[in-house]
Amino acid sequence: MSNPFYTAIYELVAQIPNGRVTSYGAIARALGHPRSARTVGWAMAHCPEGLPWQRVVMADGAIAAGEYAALRRAILEDEGVSFLPDGRVDMKKAGWTP
């Protein structure tokens, strides 16, 4: 992808540690574009293979809906990510701030 903002997003996502998650908004803020969470979402929908795409969730810990939601949760559970009873990631335990 030749878009420099997308490239920066992917570089940051590659740094998310195993067993941790961050939000679309946290990535946008870390890159100096605090109102670009939606753009981060678009970038993640088209991310290159090999990135830990499952580690990017909504700010409240919810997993984005879609055909891969169940797979994302399963991968996160395998990585040891804690979930709340309502199905959201426990951001206090698993959240990572870039």
N, C-alpha and C. Protein backbone atom coordinates (compact mmCIF):
# COMPACT_ATOMS: atom_id res chain seq x y z
N MET A 1 0.87 -1.18 0.00
CA MET A 1 0.00 0.00 0.00
C MET A 1 0.90 1.22 0.00
N SER A 2 0.64 2.12 -0.89
CA SER A 2 1.49 3.30 -1.02
C SER A 2 1.01 4.47 -0.15
N ASN A 3 -0.10 4.32 0.55
CA ASN A 3 -0.61 5.38 1.42
C ASN A 3 0.27 5.45 2.67
N PRO A 4 0.95 6.58 2.91
CA PRO A 4 1.86 6.67 4.07
C PRO A 4 1.15 6.48 5.41
N PHE A 5 -0.10 6.95 5.52
CA PHE A 5 -0.81 6.77 6.79
C PHE A 5 -1.11 5.29 7.02
N TYR A 6 -1.52 4.58 5.98
CA TYR A 6 -1.75 3.14 6.10
C TYR A 6 -0.46 2.42 6.49
N THR A 7 0.64 2.81 5.89
CA THR A 7 1.94 2.20 6.21
C THR A 7 2.27 2.40 7.68
N ALA A 8 2.04 3.61 8.19
CA ALA A 8 2.31 3.90 9.60
C ALA A 8 1.39 3.07 10.50
N ILE A 9 0.13 2.92 10.11
CA ILE A 9 -0.81 2.09 10.86
C ILE A 9 -0.28 0.67 10.95
N TYR A 10 0.10 0.11 9.81
CA TYR A 10 0.58 -1.28 9.78
C TYR A 10 1.85 -1.46 10.60
N GLU A 11 2.73 -0.48 10.58
CA GLU A 11 3.96 -0.56 11.38
C GLU A 11 3.62 -0.58 12.87
N LEU A 12 2.63 0.20 13.27
CA LEU A 12 2.24 0.24 14.67
C LEU A 12 1.52 -1.05 15.08
N VAL A 13 0.64 -1.54 14.24
CA VAL A 13 -0.08 -2.79 14.54
C VAL A 13 0.91 -3.94 14.71
N ALA A 14 1.96 -3.95 13.94
CA ALA A 14 2.97 -5.01 14.04
C ALA A 14 3.64 -5.04 15.41
N GLN A 15 3.56 -3.94 16.15
CA GLN A 15 4.20 -3.85 17.47
C GLN A 15 3.31 -4.30 18.62
N ILE A 16 2.03 -4.54 18.37
CA ILE A 16 1.12 -4.92 19.46
C ILE A 16 1.56 -6.27 20.00
N PRO A 17 1.86 -6.34 21.29
CA PRO A 17 2.35 -7.60 21.86
C PRO A 17 1.30 -8.70 21.86
N ASN A 18 1.77 -9.92 21.79
CA ASN A 18 0.91 -11.09 21.91
C ASN A 18 0.15 -11.02 23.24
N GLY A 19 -1.14 -11.31 23.20
CA GLY A 19 -1.96 -11.28 24.41
C GLY A 19 -2.47 -9.91 24.80
N ARG A 20 -2.22 -8.93 23.97
CA ARG A 20 -2.67 -7.56 24.23
C ARG A 20 -3.47 -7.06 23.03
N VAL A 21 -4.24 -6.01 23.25
CA VAL A 21 -5.03 -5.40 22.18
C VAL A 21 -4.95 -3.88 22.30
N THR A 22 -5.29 -3.22 21.24
CA THR A 22 -5.43 -1.76 21.26
C THR A 22 -6.63 -1.41 20.40
N SER A 23 -7.02 -0.16 20.45
CA SER A 23 -8.22 0.26 19.71
C SER A 23 -7.85 1.03 18.45
N TYR A 24 -8.82 1.10 17.56
CA TYR A 24 -8.66 1.89 16.34
C TYR A 24 -8.31 3.33 16.69
N GLY A 25 -9.01 3.88 17.68
CA GLY A 25 -8.78 5.26 18.09
C GLY A 25 -7.41 5.47 18.71
N ALA A 26 -6.95 4.50 19.49
CA ALA A 26 -5.62 4.63 20.11
C ALA A 26 -4.53 4.66 19.04
N ILE A 27 -4.71 3.88 18.00
CA ILE A 27 -3.75 3.89 16.90
C ILE A 27 -3.77 5.25 16.21
N ALA A 28 -4.96 5.74 15.93
CA ALA A 28 -5.09 7.05 15.28
C ALA A 28 -4.44 8.15 16.12
N ARG A 29 -4.70 8.15 17.42
CA ARG A 29 -4.11 9.17 18.31
C ARG A 29 -2.60 9.05 18.34
N ALA A 30 -2.09 7.83 18.43
CA ALA A 30 -0.64 7.62 18.49
C ALA A 30 0.06 8.12 17.24
N LEU A 31 -0.66 8.12 16.13
CA LEU A 31 -0.08 8.57 14.86
C LEU A 31 -0.36 10.04 14.57
N GLY A 32 -0.95 10.74 15.56
CA GLY A 32 -1.19 12.17 15.42
C GLY A 32 -2.44 12.54 14.65
N HIS A 33 -3.36 11.59 14.49
CA HIS A 33 -4.62 11.82 13.77
C HIS A 33 -5.78 11.36 14.64
N PRO A 34 -6.07 12.08 15.74
CA PRO A 34 -7.04 11.61 16.72
C PRO A 34 -8.46 11.41 16.20
N ARG A 35 -8.81 11.97 15.07
CA ARG A 35 -10.15 11.82 14.51
C ARG A 35 -10.20 10.82 13.36
N SER A 36 -9.21 9.96 13.29
CA SER A 36 -9.10 9.05 12.15
C SER A 36 -9.28 7.57 12.50
N ALA A 37 -10.02 7.28 13.56
CA ALA A 37 -10.25 5.88 13.94
C ALA A 37 -10.91 5.11 12.80
N ARG A 38 -11.83 5.75 12.11
CA ARG A 38 -12.51 5.07 11.00
C ARG A 38 -11.53 4.74 9.87
N THR A 39 -10.59 5.62 9.63
CA THR A 39 -9.57 5.37 8.61
C THR A 39 -8.70 4.19 9.02
N VAL A 40 -8.39 4.10 10.31
CA VAL A 40 -7.64 2.95 10.80
C VAL A 40 -8.44 1.67 10.53
N GLY A 41 -9.74 1.73 10.75
CA GLY A 41 -10.59 0.58 10.46
C GLY A 41 -10.54 0.17 9.01
N TRP A 42 -10.59 1.14 8.11
CA TRP A 42 -10.49 0.84 6.68
C TRP A 42 -9.14 0.21 6.36
N ALA A 43 -8.09 0.75 6.96
CA ALA A 43 -6.76 0.19 6.72
C ALA A 43 -6.69 -1.25 7.20
N MET A 44 -7.27 -1.52 8.36
CA MET A 44 -7.23 -2.87 8.91
C MET A 44 -8.04 -3.84 8.06
N ALA A 45 -9.08 -3.35 7.41
CA ALA A 45 -9.88 -4.22 6.54
C ALA A 45 -9.09 -4.66 5.31
N HIS A 46 -7.99 -3.96 5.04
CA HIS A 46 -7.17 -4.27 3.87
C HIS A 46 -5.71 -4.53 4.24
N CYS A 47 -5.48 -4.97 5.47
CA CYS A 47 -4.09 -5.09 5.93
C CYS A 47 -3.37 -6.26 5.27
N PRO A 48 -2.06 -6.13 5.19
CA PRO A 48 -1.25 -7.20 4.60
C PRO A 48 -1.26 -8.45 5.49
N GLU A 49 -1.03 -9.58 4.86
CA GLU A 49 -0.94 -10.83 5.62
C GLU A 49 0.20 -10.76 6.60
N GLY A 50 0.03 -11.45 7.70
CA GLY A 50 1.08 -11.52 8.70
C GLY A 50 0.94 -10.52 9.83
N LEU A 51 0.07 -9.53 9.69
CA LEU A 51 -0.15 -8.57 10.78
C LEU A 51 -1.13 -9.17 11.79
N PRO A 52 -0.97 -8.81 13.06
CA PRO A 52 -1.89 -9.30 14.09
C PRO A 52 -3.20 -8.49 14.10
N TRP A 53 -3.94 -8.56 13.02
CA TRP A 53 -5.17 -7.79 12.82
C TRP A 53 -6.19 -8.03 13.92
N GLN A 54 -6.17 -9.21 14.52
CA GLN A 54 -7.15 -9.54 15.56
C GLN A 54 -6.94 -8.72 16.82
N ARG A 55 -5.79 -8.10 16.97
CA ARG A 55 -5.47 -7.34 18.18
C ARG A 55 -5.96 -5.91 18.15
N VAL A 56 -6.69 -5.52 17.13
CA VAL A 56 -7.26 -4.18 17.06
C VAL A 56 -8.76 -4.30 17.24
N VAL A 57 -9.27 -3.68 18.32
CA VAL A 57 -10.67 -3.78 18.68
C VAL A 57 -11.25 -2.38 18.89
N MET A 58 -12.51 -2.31 19.19
CA MET A 58 -13.14 -1.01 19.48
C MET A 58 -12.71 -0.53 20.86
N ALA A 59 -12.87 0.75 21.12
CA ALA A 59 -12.38 1.36 22.36
C ALA A 59 -12.97 0.71 23.61
N ASP A 60 -14.20 0.22 23.51
CA ASP A 60 -14.82 -0.42 24.67
C ASP A 60 -14.50 -1.90 24.77
N GLY A 61 -13.64 -2.39 23.89
CA GLY A 61 -13.26 -3.79 23.91
C GLY A 61 -14.10 -4.68 23.01
N ALA A 62 -15.12 -4.11 22.38
CA ALA A 62 -15.96 -4.90 21.49
C ALA A 62 -15.17 -5.30 20.25
N ILE A 63 -15.47 -6.47 19.76
CA ILE A 63 -14.87 -6.95 18.52
C ILE A 63 -15.78 -6.51 17.39
N ALA A 64 -15.19 -5.92 16.36
CA ALA A 64 -15.98 -5.45 15.22
C ALA A 64 -16.77 -6.61 14.63
N ALA A 65 -18.02 -6.34 14.30
CA ALA A 65 -18.87 -7.36 13.69
C ALA A 65 -18.35 -7.68 12.30
N GLY A 66 -18.80 -8.77 11.78
CA GLY A 66 -18.38 -9.16 10.44
C GLY A 66 -18.11 -10.64 10.39
N GLU A 67 -17.74 -11.09 9.22
CA GLU A 67 -17.58 -12.52 9.03
C GLU A 67 -16.43 -13.12 9.82
N TYR A 68 -15.50 -12.31 10.31
CA TYR A 68 -14.35 -12.82 11.04
C TYR A 68 -14.42 -12.59 12.55
N ALA A 69 -15.54 -12.12 13.07
CA ALA A 69 -15.65 -11.80 14.49
C ALA A 69 -15.38 -13.03 15.37
N ALA A 70 -15.97 -14.15 15.03
CA ALA A 70 -15.78 -15.37 15.83
C ALA A 70 -14.33 -15.84 15.75
N LEU A 71 -13.74 -15.77 14.57
CA LEU A 71 -12.34 -16.16 14.41
C LEU A 71 -11.43 -15.24 15.21
N ARG A 72 -11.70 -13.95 15.16
CA ARG A 72 -10.90 -12.98 15.91
C ARG A 72 -10.95 -13.30 17.41
N ARG A 73 -12.14 -13.56 17.92
CA ARG A 73 -12.26 -13.89 19.34
C ARG A 73 -11.50 -15.17 19.67
N ALA A 74 -11.62 -16.18 18.83
CA ALA A 74 -10.92 -17.43 19.07
C ALA A 74 -9.41 -17.24 19.10
N ILE A 75 -8.89 -16.46 18.18
CA ILE A 75 -7.44 -16.20 18.15
C ILE A 75 -7.02 -15.45 19.41
N LEU A 76 -7.80 -14.44 19.79
CA LEU A 76 -7.48 -13.67 21.00
C LEU A 76 -7.53 -14.56 22.24
N GLU A 77 -8.52 -15.43 22.33
CA GLU A 77 -8.59 -16.35 23.46
C GLU A 77 -7.36 -17.25 23.51
N ASP A 78 -6.93 -17.75 22.33
CA ASP A 78 -5.73 -18.59 22.27
C ASP A 78 -4.49 -17.82 22.71
N GLU A 79 -4.49 -16.50 22.51
CA GLU A 79 -3.36 -15.66 22.93
C GLU A 79 -3.43 -15.31 24.42
N GLY A 80 -4.52 -15.70 25.08
CA GLY A 80 -4.65 -15.43 26.51
C GLY A 80 -5.33 -14.12 26.85
N VAL A 81 -5.99 -13.49 25.88
CA VAL A 81 -6.69 -12.23 26.13
C VAL A 81 -7.92 -12.50 26.99
N SER A 82 -8.11 -11.68 28.03
CA SER A 82 -9.26 -11.80 28.93
C SER A 82 -10.49 -11.13 28.34
N PHE A 83 -11.64 -11.79 28.53
CA PHE A 83 -12.91 -11.24 28.07
C PHE A 83 -13.83 -11.02 29.26
N LEU A 84 -14.68 -10.02 29.14
CA LEU A 84 -15.71 -9.73 30.14
C LEU A 84 -16.92 -10.63 29.88
N PRO A 85 -17.80 -10.78 30.86
CA PRO A 85 -18.98 -11.63 30.67
C PRO A 85 -19.86 -11.23 29.47
N ASP A 86 -19.83 -9.95 29.08
CA ASP A 86 -20.67 -9.51 27.96
C ASP A 86 -19.99 -9.72 26.59
N GLY A 87 -18.81 -10.34 26.57
CA GLY A 87 -18.14 -10.67 25.32
C GLY A 87 -17.11 -9.67 24.85
N ARG A 88 -16.96 -8.56 25.56
CA ARG A 88 -15.95 -7.57 25.19
C ARG A 88 -14.60 -7.95 25.80
N VAL A 89 -13.54 -7.52 25.15
CA VAL A 89 -12.20 -7.70 25.69
C VAL A 89 -12.10 -6.87 26.97
N ASP A 90 -11.46 -7.42 27.99
CA ASP A 90 -11.21 -6.68 29.22
C ASP A 90 -10.04 -5.73 28.96
N MET A 91 -10.36 -4.51 28.61
CA MET A 91 -9.34 -3.54 28.23
C MET A 91 -8.42 -3.18 29.40
N LYS A 92 -8.90 -3.32 30.64
CA LYS A 92 -8.04 -3.02 31.79
C LYS A 92 -6.92 -4.04 31.90
N LYS A 93 -7.19 -5.29 31.53
CA LYS A 93 -6.20 -6.35 31.61
C LYS A 93 -5.39 -6.51 30.32
N ALA A 94 -6.05 -6.36 29.18
CA ALA A 94 -5.40 -6.68 27.90
C ALA A 94 -5.06 -5.46 27.06
N GLY A 95 -5.51 -4.27 27.47
CA GLY A 95 -5.28 -3.09 26.66
C GLY A 95 -3.80 -2.70 26.59
N TRP A 96 -3.40 -2.24 25.44
CA TRP A 96 -2.03 -1.79 25.18
C TRP A 96 -2.11 -0.41 24.54
N THR A 97 -1.36 0.53 25.09
CA THR A 97 -1.34 1.88 24.56
C THR A 97 -0.09 2.08 23.72
N PRO A 98 -0.27 2.37 22.44
CA PRO A 98 0.91 2.56 21.58
C PRO A 98 1.68 3.81 21.98
